[in-house]
Protein backbone atom coordinates (compact mmCIF):
# COMPACT_ATOMS: atom_id res chain seq x y z
CA MET A 1 14.49 8.62 -64.65
CA LYS A 2 16.97 10.13 -61.92
CA TYR A 3 14.11 11.45 -59.39
CA THR A 4 12.56 7.85 -59.78
CA LYS A 5 15.36 6.24 -58.66
CA VAL A 6 16.26 8.58 -56.05
CA ALA A 7 12.42 7.97 -54.83
CA LEU A 8 12.40 4.07 -54.85
CA THR A 9 15.40 4.28 -53.12
CA VAL A 10 13.93 6.57 -50.38
CA LEU A 11 11.07 4.36 -50.74
CA CYS A 12 12.91 0.93 -50.24
CA SER A 13 14.89 2.65 -47.04
CA THR A 14 11.36 3.69 -45.34
CA LEU A 15 10.19 0.02 -45.84
CA MET A 16 13.71 -1.66 -44.36
CA THR A 17 13.51 0.32 -41.50
CA ALA A 18 9.87 -0.30 -41.00
CA CYS A 19 10.31 -3.86 -41.31
CA THR A 20 13.52 -3.64 -38.89
CA SER A 21 11.19 -2.49 -36.16
CA LEU A 22 8.70 -4.53 -37.16
CA GLU A 23 10.58 -7.31 -35.96
CA GLU A 24 12.62 -5.43 -33.29
CA THR A 25 9.11 -5.04 -31.69
CA VAL A 26 8.54 -8.93 -31.40
CA ALA A 27 12.11 -9.70 -30.49
CA PRO A 28 11.30 -9.82 -26.38
CA THR A 29 8.76 -12.07 -26.78
CA GLN A 30 11.28 -14.81 -28.98
CA GLU A 31 12.94 -15.81 -26.19
CA TYR A 32 9.69 -16.72 -23.90
CA LYS A 33 7.73 -18.68 -27.31
CA THR A 34 7.52 -22.16 -25.83
CA ILE A 35 5.73 -20.05 -22.88
CA LEU A 36 3.66 -18.06 -25.17
CA ASP A 37 2.70 -20.80 -27.40
CA SER A 38 1.80 -23.55 -24.43
CA ARG A 39 -1.87 -22.17 -23.78
CA SER A 40 -3.48 -25.56 -23.63
CA ASN A 41 -0.62 -27.00 -21.39
CA ALA A 42 -0.56 -24.04 -19.15
CA LEU A 43 -4.74 -23.85 -18.23
CA GLN A 44 -4.07 -28.26 -17.60
CA GLN A 45 -1.17 -27.70 -15.24
CA LEU A 46 -2.92 -24.42 -13.58
CA GLY A 47 -5.77 -27.00 -13.00
CA ALA A 48 -3.70 -29.05 -11.15
CA ALA A 49 -1.14 -26.85 -9.84
CA SER A 50 -1.15 -26.53 -5.16
CA VAL A 51 -1.05 -23.43 -3.89
CA CYS A 52 1.45 -22.18 -2.30
CA CYS A 53 -0.09 -20.57 0.62
CA ASN A 54 -2.99 -19.76 2.76
CA SER A 55 -3.08 -15.83 3.04
CA LEU A 56 -1.12 -13.47 1.39
CA SER A 57 0.99 -12.22 3.85
CA GLY A 58 2.71 -15.82 3.18
CA LEU A 59 3.49 -14.98 -0.25
CA THR A 60 7.37 -14.78 -1.15
CA TYR A 61 7.58 -11.27 -2.05
CA GLN A 62 10.60 -10.19 -4.59
CA PRO A 63 12.22 -6.68 -4.02
CA LEU A 64 11.76 -3.65 -6.33
CA THR A 65 14.14 -0.46 -6.48
CA ALA A 66 12.75 2.74 -7.99
CA ASP A 67 13.78 3.34 -11.61
CA GLN A 68 14.24 -0.17 -12.72
CA LYS A 69 12.57 -2.28 -15.68
CA ARG A 70 12.51 -6.00 -15.73
CA ILE A 71 11.08 -9.08 -17.90
CA VAL A 72 8.83 -11.26 -15.80
CA ALA A 73 8.11 -14.27 -17.02
CA ILE A 74 5.31 -16.52 -15.51
CA ASP A 75 4.80 -20.19 -16.28
CA GLY A 76 4.62 -23.66 -14.46
CA ASN A 77 7.54 -22.58 -12.11
CA SER A 78 5.72 -19.81 -10.87
CA PRO A 79 3.99 -19.88 -7.67
CA VAL A 80 0.43 -20.51 -7.49
CA PHE A 81 -2.58 -18.59 -5.17
CA THR A 82 -6.32 -18.73 -5.26
CA PHE A 83 -7.04 -15.26 -5.52
CA PRO A 84 -10.84 -14.36 -5.03
CA GLU A 85 -10.80 -14.01 -8.88
CA GLY A 86 -9.61 -17.67 -8.83
CA LYS A 87 -6.46 -19.70 -9.22
CA SER A 88 -3.66 -18.31 -10.59
CA TYR A 89 0.01 -17.82 -11.31
CA PHE A 90 1.18 -15.01 -9.74
CA ALA A 91 4.37 -12.60 -9.41
CA ALA A 92 4.31 -10.56 -6.33
CA PHE A 93 6.71 -8.07 -5.31
CA LYS A 94 8.00 -5.60 -2.37
CA LEU A 95 7.73 -2.27 -3.48
CA PRO A 96 10.63 0.39 -3.10
CA SER A 97 10.13 2.35 0.48
CA ASN A 98 12.86 5.27 0.49
CA SER A 99 11.21 6.67 -2.47
CA GLY A 100 8.87 9.40 -3.49
CA ASP A 101 5.53 8.76 -5.38
CA LEU A 102 5.79 5.83 -7.42
CA LYS A 103 4.91 5.46 -11.20
CA ILE A 104 4.75 2.51 -12.25
CA THR A 105 3.97 0.58 -16.03
CA VAL A 106 2.83 -3.01 -15.74
CA ALA A 107 2.08 -4.58 -19.56
CA GLY A 108 1.71 -8.19 -20.97
CA LEU A 109 2.94 -9.09 -24.04
CA ILE A 110 1.64 -10.13 -26.66
CA ASP A 111 2.34 -13.05 -29.22
CA LYS A 112 0.22 -16.24 -30.09
CA THR A 113 -1.28 -15.88 -26.37
CA LEU A 114 -1.52 -12.87 -23.71
CA PHE A 115 -1.21 -13.26 -20.01
CA ASN A 116 -4.05 -10.87 -18.94
CA PRO A 117 -2.45 -9.19 -16.05
CA THR A 118 -4.35 -7.81 -12.89
CA VAL A 119 -3.11 -5.86 -10.47
CA LEU A 120 -3.41 -6.35 -7.10
CA LEU A 121 -2.03 -4.27 -4.16
CA LEU A 122 -1.36 -4.17 -0.68
CA ASP A 123 -0.61 -2.21 2.42
CA SER A 124 1.98 -2.70 4.95
CA GLN A 125 0.11 -5.25 6.65
CA PHE A 126 -0.75 -6.84 3.38
CA LYS A 127 -4.73 -5.95 3.31
CA PRO A 128 -5.50 -5.37 -0.16
CA THR A 129 -5.84 -1.67 -1.07
CA ARG A 130 -7.38 -1.53 -4.64
CA THR A 131 -7.09 -3.92 -7.66
CA ILE A 132 -5.80 -2.52 -11.12
CA GLY A 133 -7.65 -4.16 -14.13
CA SER A 134 -8.85 -3.82 -17.77
CA ASP A 135 -10.61 -0.59 -16.80
CA ILE A 136 -6.82 0.78 -16.50
CA ILE A 137 -4.78 -1.97 -18.21
CA THR A 138 -5.68 -1.97 -21.84
CA TYR A 139 -4.23 -2.87 -25.26
CA LYS A 140 -1.45 -0.68 -27.05
CA PRO A 141 -0.11 -1.55 -30.51
CA ALA A 142 3.42 -1.86 -31.28
CA ARG A 143 5.33 1.46 -31.42
CA MET A 144 9.29 1.68 -31.77
CA LEU A 145 10.60 -0.89 -29.88
CA ASP A 146 7.59 -1.91 -27.62
CA GLY A 147 5.69 -4.72 -29.57
CA ASP A 148 2.08 -5.60 -29.25
CA ARG A 149 0.70 -5.44 -25.79
CA VAL A 150 -1.50 -5.00 -23.05
CA GLU A 151 -0.76 -1.73 -20.77
CA GLY A 152 -1.71 -0.33 -17.42
CA VAL A 153 0.51 2.85 -16.21
CA PHE A 154 -0.59 3.75 -12.09
CA THR A 155 0.81 5.69 -8.87
CA VAL A 156 1.64 5.09 -5.37
CA ASP A 157 1.00 7.78 -3.08
CA ARG A 158 4.44 7.97 -0.49
CA SER A 159 2.96 11.15 1.49
CA TYR A 160 2.94 9.36 4.66
CA VAL A 161 5.87 7.27 5.35
CA GLY A 162 5.23 4.85 8.16
CA ASN A 163 1.19 4.88 7.09
CA PRO A 164 0.08 1.45 8.16
CA ASN A 165 -2.25 2.15 4.75
CA ASN A 166 0.79 3.24 2.70
CA GLU A 167 0.88 0.37 -0.25
CA SER A 168 3.80 -1.63 0.24
CA TYR A 169 3.49 -4.79 -1.97
CA MET A 170 2.20 -5.60 -5.90
CA VAL A 171 0.74 -8.53 -6.79
CA ILE A 172 0.37 -9.49 -10.41
CA PHE A 173 -2.03 -12.26 -11.49
CA THR A 174 -4.87 -13.30 -14.23
CA THR A 175 -8.65 -14.30 -13.15
CA GLN A 176 -10.53 -16.85 -14.04
CA ALA A 177 -12.62 -14.68 -16.38
CA THR A 178 -10.25 -13.67 -18.59
CA LEU A 179 -8.89 -17.11 -18.88
CA SER A 180 -11.77 -17.73 -21.26
CA GLN A 181 -11.14 -14.30 -23.43
CA THR A 182 -9.19 -12.76 -26.47
CA THR A 183 -8.30 -9.15 -27.16
CA GLN A 184 -8.49 -8.29 -29.84
CA ALA A 185 -4.65 -6.80 -31.80
CA MET A 186 -3.53 -4.77 -34.63
CA SER A 187 -2.96 -6.97 -37.65
CA PRO A 188 0.96 -6.51 -39.24
CA SER A 189 -0.20 -5.50 -42.21
CA LYS A 190 -2.44 -2.59 -40.73
CA LEU A 191 0.68 -1.65 -38.36
CA MET A 192 2.67 -1.25 -41.21
CA ALA A 193 0.01 0.58 -43.19
CA LYS A 194 -0.73 3.06 -40.45
CA SER A 195 3.48 3.86 -40.13
CA LEU A 196 3.69 4.44 -43.85
CA SER A 197 0.30 6.44 -44.08
CA VAL A 198 -0.84 4.35 -46.78
CA GLN A 199 -4.39 2.24 -47.16
CA ASP A 200 -4.50 -0.79 -45.46
CA TYR A 201 -5.66 -3.82 -47.87
CA GLY A 202 -4.38 -6.95 -45.54
CA ALA A 203 -5.86 -9.13 -43.18
CA LYS A 204 -8.35 -8.82 -39.79
CA ASP A 205 -7.28 -7.94 -37.03
CA PRO A 206 -6.41 -11.26 -34.96
CA LEU A 207 -7.99 -12.93 -31.85
CA ILE A 208 -5.01 -13.01 -28.99
CA PRO A 209 -6.13 -15.46 -26.36
CA HIS A 210 -5.37 -15.22 -23.05
CA SER A 211 -3.45 -17.96 -21.12
CA ALA A 212 -2.41 -18.85 -17.72
CA TRP A 213 1.14 -18.35 -18.89
CA GLY A 214 2.96 -15.46 -19.98
CA VAL A 215 5.46 -12.41 -20.39
CA LEU A 216 5.42 -9.15 -18.51
CA THR A 217 7.35 -6.11 -18.14
CA LEU A 218 7.60 -3.86 -15.20
CA GLU A 219 8.63 -0.54 -14.73
CA VAL A 220 8.92 1.55 -11.55
CA GLU A 221 10.05 5.30 -11.72
CA ASP A 222 10.56 7.50 -8.69
CA MET A 223 8.29 10.90 -9.27
CA SER A 224 10.44 12.76 -7.00
CA ALA A 225 13.46 12.46 -8.99
CA SER A 226 11.17 12.99 -12.44
CA LYS A 227 11.66 16.62 -13.68
CA LEU A 228 7.74 16.92 -13.81
CA GLY A 229 8.12 16.71 -10.47
CA ASP A 230 4.80 17.44 -8.14
CA ASN A 231 3.63 18.57 -11.86
CA PHE A 232 2.92 15.26 -12.71
CA TYR A 233 -0.74 14.23 -13.20
CA LYS A 234 -1.90 11.26 -11.26
CA PRO A 235 -4.11 8.95 -12.21
CA VAL A 236 -7.08 8.59 -9.51
CA TYR A 237 -7.35 5.66 -7.95
CA GLN A 238 -10.15 3.29 -8.97
CA GLU A 239 -10.66 2.64 -5.55
CA ALA A 240 -10.66 4.50 -2.62
CA ILE A 241 -7.74 3.02 0.13
CA ASP A 242 -9.88 2.18 3.16
CA ALA A 243 -10.02 5.49 4.19
CA SER A 244 -11.85 4.79 7.40
CA THR A 245 -8.86 3.33 9.24
CA PRO A 246 -6.99 6.31 11.01
CA ILE A 247 -3.80 7.23 9.98
CA VAL A 248 -0.83 7.07 13.07
CA ASN A 249 0.93 10.33 13.12
CA PRO A 250 4.85 9.95 13.80
CA THR A 251 4.86 12.68 15.58
CA PRO A 252 3.30 12.04 19.15
CA ASN A 253 2.94 16.10 20.00
CA LYS A 254 0.14 18.36 18.20
CA LEU A 255 1.45 19.92 15.65
CA THR A 256 0.52 23.57 15.01
CA VAL A 257 -1.29 24.55 11.66
CA PRO A 258 -0.10 27.52 10.72
CA ALA A 259 -2.66 29.95 9.96
CA ALA A 260 -4.30 30.07 7.05
CA THR A 261 -4.88 33.54 5.33
CA ALA A 262 -8.69 34.61 3.96
CA ALA A 263 -6.61 35.47 0.76
CA THR A 264 -5.68 31.24 0.84
CA THR A 265 -9.19 30.56 1.77
CA ALA A 266 -10.49 32.87 -0.46
CA ALA A 267 -7.77 31.42 -3.69
CA VAL A 268 -9.32 28.17 -3.22
CA ALA A 269 -12.69 28.75 -3.08
CA ALA A 270 -12.38 30.87 -6.23
CA ALA A 271 -10.03 28.86 -8.32
CA PRO A 272 -12.13 27.98 -11.30
CA SER A 273 -12.48 24.40 -11.87
CA LYS A 274 -12.90 22.14 -15.55
CA PRO A 275 -15.89 19.96 -16.27
CA ALA A 276 -15.26 16.19 -14.76
CA PRO A 277 -16.79 13.12 -14.95
CA ALA A 278 -18.58 12.68 -11.75
CA MET A 279 -16.21 10.94 -8.84
CA LEU A 280 -17.04 7.63 -7.33
CA SER A 281 -18.29 8.35 -3.48
CA GLU A 282 -15.40 6.30 -2.28
CA THR A 283 -13.05 7.77 -4.18
CA GLU A 284 -14.49 11.40 -2.84
CA SER A 285 -14.40 10.06 0.75
CA PHE A 286 -10.37 9.20 0.25
CA TYR A 287 -9.78 12.83 -1.11
CA ASN A 288 -11.33 14.33 1.50
CA ALA A 289 -9.94 12.52 4.70
CA GLN A 290 -6.27 13.15 2.72
CA ILE A 291 -7.42 16.47 2.46
CA GLU A 292 -8.26 16.74 5.80
CA LYS A 293 -5.14 15.29 7.45
CA ALA A 294 -2.62 17.45 5.68
CA VAL A 295 -4.48 20.79 7.28
CA LYS A 296 -4.14 19.24 10.38
CA ALA A 297 -0.59 18.36 10.18
CA GLY A 298 -0.29 22.06 8.73
CA ASP A 299 0.46 21.34 5.55
CA ILE A 300 -1.60 23.69 3.63
CA ASP A 301 0.42 23.61 0.19
CA LYS A 302 -0.08 19.89 -0.18
CA ALA A 303 -4.15 20.47 1.46
CA MET A 304 -4.41 22.83 -1.47
CA GLN A 305 -2.57 20.31 -4.64
CA LEU A 306 -5.04 17.72 -3.54
CA VAL A 307 -8.15 20.17 -3.37
CA ASN A 308 -6.66 20.84 -6.98
CA GLU A 309 -6.55 16.99 -8.35
CA ALA A 310 -9.36 15.83 -6.58
CA GLU A 311 -11.44 18.63 -8.75
CA ARG A 312 -9.92 17.77 -11.79
CA ALA A 313 -11.29 14.02 -11.41
CA GLY A 314 -14.80 14.85 -10.39
CA SER A 315 -15.06 16.22 -6.65
CA THR A 316 -17.73 18.58 -5.77
CA LYS A 317 -16.21 18.64 -2.20
CA ALA A 318 -13.11 19.26 -2.32
CA LYS A 319 -13.31 23.08 -1.22
CA SER A 320 -15.77 23.04 1.42
CA VAL A 321 -14.08 20.45 2.99
CA PHE A 322 -10.68 22.38 2.81
CA ILE A 323 -12.14 25.49 3.76
CA ASP A 324 -13.89 23.64 6.85
CA ALA A 325 -11.00 21.68 7.66
CA VAL A 326 -8.92 25.11 8.00
CA LYS A 327 -11.70 26.80 10.25
CA ARG A 328 -11.31 24.02 12.54
CA SER A 329 -7.60 24.21 12.70
CA GLN A 330 -7.53 27.71 13.80
CA LYS A 331 -10.05 27.44 16.54
CA ASN A 332 -7.75 24.77 17.79
C-alpha cells in the first residue's frame, strides 16, 4: 500500500508538470487571440488593403541587433506589398552589419490559424538573393516552452564585408498559394502520450488553416560569439547568391597570395568525402566562386573550409576548383 501511494504521488506530479508545460507552450499565443482567430476577416482585409510601396527598396525596414529574440504580430495594421508570390502583409528588417555570420530562426506560431512564413533575403542594393520557404520552414510540435509552430533555421554569410551581394535585409511574408492550404499539427492528446511514453487513444491530428494574419518569433544569433565558432554547420543555401555579380575588393592593391605548399593542395585532394545528395548547379557555382575568391584574397584556410563544406553538401567539383585556383595564384 505504501508503494502504491508513492507511485500515485509520482504519477500525479508528472501529470501536473506535463499539464503545466502544455499550458505554457500555448501561453505566447494568448495575447494574440484576436489575430489568430480571425482568418476570414484577415483574408477580407487583405483583399481590400492598399499596397505600401512600388519596390522593395521602398519598404520600411526595422533594425535588428544580434543575439535578439522578438515576437512579431502580423495583422491589419501591418503594411502590405505585392510580391511575385502574391499580395501579403509583411514585416521587414535590416540585418545587423557589424557582426559575424548570423544564425536566424524564424517561426510561425500555431493556434486556430497559422501565418505560414516565407523569408526573402536581399542584398545591400535591395536585390533578392534567395527565398526560404516550406523546404526549410517546417512543422515542429510543442516542446518545453515552445508551442506548436512551423520553424526554419538558416545562416547569413558575413565573410565579405562591403560586398554588394552581402545579404543586408530580410522580409517575412506569406504566399498567395499557401492561404488555401493547411498544416497538420500534433493533437494535444498525442503530445501528452508522447511525453509520458504511453499509447495514444486520443483525437486525430488537427489541420490548421493558413491565414493572412499571424504571430511570428524571430531570433538572431551572432555565430562569431558562439562557443561553437566556425565548427557550426551552415545549412546550404537553397538558391545561389547571384554568383555572376563580381565581388568588389575593398583593398585596391593587389593582394599577394601566400604560396600554398604541395602538401596543402595534396591534403585537400586526398581528403575523404562523405556521400551526399547531388548539389544543385546554382549552388555548386556559388561555392566554386567563393573558393576562388578566398584563394585570390590569400585566405587558403577559408578556401579549404569552403571545400569541405561544399563536399558535405554534395559538391563534386570543389576540390578541383580549389587546386586550379591555387595553381593560377602561384603563376601570377
